[in-house]
Amino acid sequence: MVDPTVIGPGPRGERPRPLLRTTLGDVLRRTRREQRRTLADVARAAKVSMPYLSEVERGRKEASSEVLAAVCDALHIELSDVLFAAGHDMAGGRAAVIRLDVVRDGRRPAPRGTGGAQCLLAA
């Protein structure tokens, strides 16, 4: 049976990679448990059903941005922190540098301070 929470193996026999929904669910569950809160408590505060939140935490359902925001509010955490933690987990703890340059007029990167963006994620 194929595990719906991972993708892979890659073309060169690489290890399977977790899906974003699985990793986000892991971060949400870990945070809830660290706060010693029940699934029912968080679901009630987020105004989602307990079975649905359980499915999100287990990576079986892909939550909308609105649901993720509501769960984060219920957990008193920032969505950006959840996304950062999920990215770190997906990177497997290795340092990753991601450079996003906004291209102006199709030819060159935008100069700093004029809309260019750079994102650094380091373990």
C-alpha atoms as a PDB file:
ATOM      1  CA  MET A   1       0.000   0.000   0.000  1.00  0.00           C
ATOM      2  CA  VAL A   2       1.259   3.492  -0.889  1.00  0.00           C
ATOM      3  CA  ASP A   3       1.677   5.924   1.991  1.00  0.00           C
ATOM      4  CA  PRO A   4      -0.273   9.084   1.080  1.00  0.00           C
ATOM      5  CA  THR A   5       1.814  11.236   3.422  1.00  0.00           C
ATOM      6  CA  VAL A   6       5.060  11.026   1.454  1.00  0.00           C
ATOM      7  CA  ILE A   7       6.182  11.438  -2.122  1.00  0.00           C
ATOM      8  CA  GLY A   8       8.938   9.393  -3.699  1.00  0.00           C
ATOM      9  CA  PRO A   9      11.163   7.540  -3.959  1.00  0.00           C
ATOM     10  CA  GLY A  10      12.913   9.797  -6.407  1.00  0.00           C
ATOM     11  CA  PRO A  11      14.303   8.744  -9.756  1.00  0.00           C
ATOM     12  CA  ARG A  12      17.672   7.803  -8.255  1.00  0.00           C
ATOM     13  CA  GLY A  13      16.300   5.770  -5.370  1.00  0.00           C
ATOM     14  CA  GLU A  14      16.299   8.769  -3.036  1.00  0.00           C
ATOM     15  CA  ARG A  15      14.426   8.469   0.229  1.00  0.00           C
ATOM     16  CA  PRO A  16      10.748   9.412   0.192  1.00  0.00           C
ATOM     17  CA  ARG A  17      10.031  13.031   1.109  1.00  0.00           C
ATOM     18  CA  PRO A  18       7.188  14.031   3.416  1.00  0.00           C
ATOM     19  CA  LEU A  19       4.382  16.127   2.002  1.00  0.00           C
ATOM     20  CA  LEU A  20       3.897  19.655   3.293  1.00  0.00           C
ATOM     21  CA  ARG A  21       0.531  18.730   4.809  1.00  0.00           C
ATOM     22  CA  THR A  22       2.178  15.944   6.818  1.00  0.00           C
ATOM     23  CA  THR A  23       4.919  18.194   8.131  1.00  0.00           C
ATOM     24  CA  LEU A  24       2.502  21.010   8.989  1.00  0.00           C
ATOM     25  CA  GLY A  25       0.340  18.522  10.858  1.00  0.00           C
ATOM     26  CA  ASP A  26       3.349  17.271  12.793  1.00  0.00           C
ATOM     27  CA  VAL A  27       4.265  20.833  13.818  1.00  0.00           C
ATOM     28  CA  LEU A  28       0.696  21.617  14.903  1.00  0.00           C
ATOM     29  CA  ARG A  29       0.383  18.402  16.905  1.00  0.00           C
ATOM     30  CA  ARG A  30       3.807  18.882  18.525  1.00  0.00           C
ATOM     31  CA  THR A  31       2.870  22.452  19.498  1.00  0.00           C
ATOM     32  CA  ARG A  32      -0.501  21.397  20.913  1.00  0.00           C
ATOM     33  CA  ARG A  33       1.077  18.635  22.969  1.00  0.00           C
ATOM     34  CA  GLU A  34       3.835  20.944  24.246  1.00  0.00           C
ATOM     35  CA  GLN A  35       1.043  23.211  25.495  1.00  0.00           C
ATOM     36  CA  ARG A  36      -0.605  20.168  27.122  1.00  0.00           C
ATOM     37  CA  ARG A  37      -3.873  20.930  25.358  1.00  0.00           C
ATOM     38  CA  THR A  38      -6.400  18.450  24.097  1.00  0.00           C
ATOM     39  CA  LEU A  39      -7.497  18.054  20.518  1.00  0.00           C
ATOM     40  CA  ALA A  40     -11.041  18.947  21.602  1.00  0.00           C
ATOM     41  CA  ASP A  41      -9.895  22.164  23.290  1.00  0.00           C
ATOM     42  CA  VAL A  42      -7.957  23.415  20.262  1.00  0.00           C
ATOM     43  CA  ALA A  43     -10.660  22.360  17.798  1.00  0.00           C
ATOM     44  CA  ARG A  44     -13.281  24.238  19.825  1.00  0.00           C
ATOM     45  CA  ALA A  45     -11.118  27.376  20.022  1.00  0.00           C
ATOM     46  CA  ALA A  46     -10.360  27.205  16.273  1.00  0.00           C
ATOM     47  CA  LYS A  47     -14.046  26.535  15.453  1.00  0.00           C
ATOM     48  CA  VAL A  48     -13.276  23.370  13.491  1.00  0.00           C
ATOM     49  CA  SER A  49     -14.468  19.856  14.183  1.00  0.00           C
ATOM     50  CA  MET A  50     -12.312  17.609  16.309  1.00  0.00           C
ATOM     51  CA  PRO A  51     -12.200  14.833  13.653  1.00  0.00           C
ATOM     52  CA  TYR A  52     -11.128  17.370  11.015  1.00  0.00           C
ATOM     53  CA  LEU A  53      -8.343  18.773  13.195  1.00  0.00           C
ATOM     54  CA  SER A  54      -7.193  15.239  13.902  1.00  0.00           C
ATOM     55  CA  GLU A  55      -7.015  14.547  10.158  1.00  0.00           C
ATOM     56  CA  VAL A  56      -5.020  17.763   9.636  1.00  0.00           C
ATOM     57  CA  GLU A  57      -2.570  16.827  12.402  1.00  0.00           C
ATOM     58  CA  ARG A  58      -2.100  13.369  10.882  1.00  0.00           C
ATOM     59  CA  GLY A  59      -1.457  14.832   7.423  1.00  0.00           C
ATOM     60  CA  ARG A  60      -4.560  13.218   5.940  1.00  0.00           C
ATOM     61  CA  LYS A  61      -6.301  16.515   5.125  1.00  0.00           C
ATOM     62  CA  GLU A  62      -4.811  19.596   3.508  1.00  0.00           C
ATOM     63  CA  ALA A  63      -6.014  22.562   5.540  1.00  0.00           C
ATOM     64  CA  SER A  64      -6.830  25.881   3.897  1.00  0.00           C
ATOM     65  CA  SER A  65      -4.898  28.972   4.902  1.00  0.00           C
ATOM     66  CA  GLU A  66      -7.986  30.112   6.828  1.00  0.00           C
ATOM     67  CA  VAL A  67      -8.096  26.882   8.851  1.00  0.00           C
ATOM     68  CA  LEU A  68      -4.346  27.024   9.505  1.00  0.00           C
ATOM     69  CA  ALA A  69      -4.701  30.619  10.702  1.00  0.00           C
ATOM     70  CA  ALA A  70      -7.594  29.662  12.994  1.00  0.00           C
ATOM     71  CA  VAL A  71      -5.642  26.749  14.493  1.00  0.00           C
ATOM     72  CA  CYS A  72      -2.596  28.966  14.991  1.00  0.00           C
ATOM     73  CA  ASP A  73      -4.775  31.571  16.726  1.00  0.00           C
ATOM     74  CA  ALA A  74      -6.205  28.845  18.947  1.00  0.00           C
ATOM     75  CA  LEU A  75      -2.650  27.745  19.811  1.00  0.00           C
ATOM     76  CA  HIS A  76      -1.504  31.380  20.322  1.00  0.00           C
ATOM     77  CA  ILE A  77       1.297  31.010  17.776  1.00  0.00           C
ATOM     78  CA  GLU A  78       2.149  32.772  14.544  1.00  0.00           C
ATOM     79  CA  LEU A  79       1.452  31.043  11.246  1.00  0.00           C
ATOM     80  CA  SER A  80       4.877  32.195  10.051  1.00  0.00           C
ATOM     81  CA  ASP A  81       6.490  30.301  12.951  1.00  0.00           C
ATOM     82  CA  VAL A  82       4.600  27.129  11.994  1.00  0.00           C
ATOM     83  CA  LEU A  83       5.694  27.495   8.374  1.00  0.00           C
ATOM     84  CA  PHE A  84       9.297  28.119   9.430  1.00  0.00           C
ATOM     85  CA  ALA A  85       9.289  25.036  11.663  1.00  0.00           C
ATOM     86  CA  ALA A  86       7.743  22.937   8.889  1.00  0.00           C
ATOM     87  CA  GLY A  87      10.376  24.168   6.427  1.00  0.00           C
ATOM     88  CA  HIS A  88      13.140  23.347   8.883  1.00  0.00           C
ATOM     89  CA  ASP A  89      11.705  19.866   9.445  1.00  0.00           C
ATOM     90  CA  MET A  90      11.382  19.265   5.704  1.00  0.00           C
ATOM     91  CA  ALA A  91      14.981  20.354   5.177  1.00  0.00           C
ATOM     92  CA  GLY A  92      15.948  17.594   7.599  1.00  0.00           C
ATOM     93  CA  GLY A  93      17.856  19.983   9.807  1.00  0.00           C
ATOM     94  CA  ARG A  94      20.337  20.804   7.044  1.00  0.00           C
ATOM     95  CA  ALA A  95      21.111  24.393   6.233  1.00  0.00           C
ATOM     96  CA  ALA A  96      19.273  25.641   3.192  1.00  0.00           C
ATOM     97  CA  VAL A  97      19.638  28.919   1.384  1.00  0.00           C
ATOM     98  CA  ILE A  98      16.804  29.989  -0.834  1.00  0.00           C
ATOM     99  CA  ARG A  99      17.198  33.080  -2.948  1.00  0.00           C
ATOM    100  CA  LEU A 100      14.143  34.677  -4.451  1.00  0.00           C
ATOM    101  CA  ASP A 101      14.875  37.511  -6.828  1.00  0.00           C
ATOM    102  CA  VAL A 102      12.032  39.479  -8.279  1.00  0.00           C
ATOM    103  CA  VAL A 103      12.813  40.086 -11.931  1.00  0.00           C
ATOM    104  CA  ARG A 104      12.106  43.503 -13.340  1.00  0.00           C
ATOM    105  CA  ASP A 105      11.450  43.933 -17.068  1.00  0.00           C
ATOM    106  CA  GLY A 106      12.313  40.267 -17.660  1.00  0.00           C
ATOM    107  CA  ARG A 107      16.091  40.810 -17.728  1.00  0.00           C
ATOM    108  CA  ARG A 108      17.702  41.484 -14.372  1.00  0.00           C
ATOM    109  CA  PRO A 109      17.057  41.085 -10.668  1.00  0.00           C
ATOM    110  CA  ALA A 110      15.494  44.045  -8.918  1.00  0.00           C
ATOM    111  CA  PRO A 111      17.981  46.074  -6.877  1.00  0.00           C
ATOM    112  CA  ARG A 112      17.693  45.814  -3.108  1.00  0.00           C
ATOM    113  CA  GLY A 113      15.069  48.045  -1.614  1.00  0.00           C
ATOM    114  CA  THR A 114      12.974  48.102  -4.793  1.00  0.00           C
ATOM    115  CA  GLY A 115      10.964  44.934  -4.408  1.00  0.00           C
ATOM    116  CA  GLY A 116      13.649  42.245  -4.533  1.00  0.00           C
ATOM    117  CA  ALA A 117      13.250  39.502  -1.964  1.00  0.00           C
ATOM    118  CA  GLN A 118      15.736  37.182  -0.348  1.00  0.00           C
ATOM    119  CA  CYS A 119      14.883  34.427   2.082  1.00  0.00           C
ATOM    120  CA  LEU A 120      17.530  32.639   4.111  1.00  0.00           C
ATOM    121  CA  LEU A 121      16.762  29.531   6.106  1.00  0.00           C
ATOM    122  CA  ALA A 122      19.615  28.159   8.136  1.00  0.00           C
ATOM    123  CA  ALA A 123      19.600  25.318  10.597  1.00  0.00           C
END
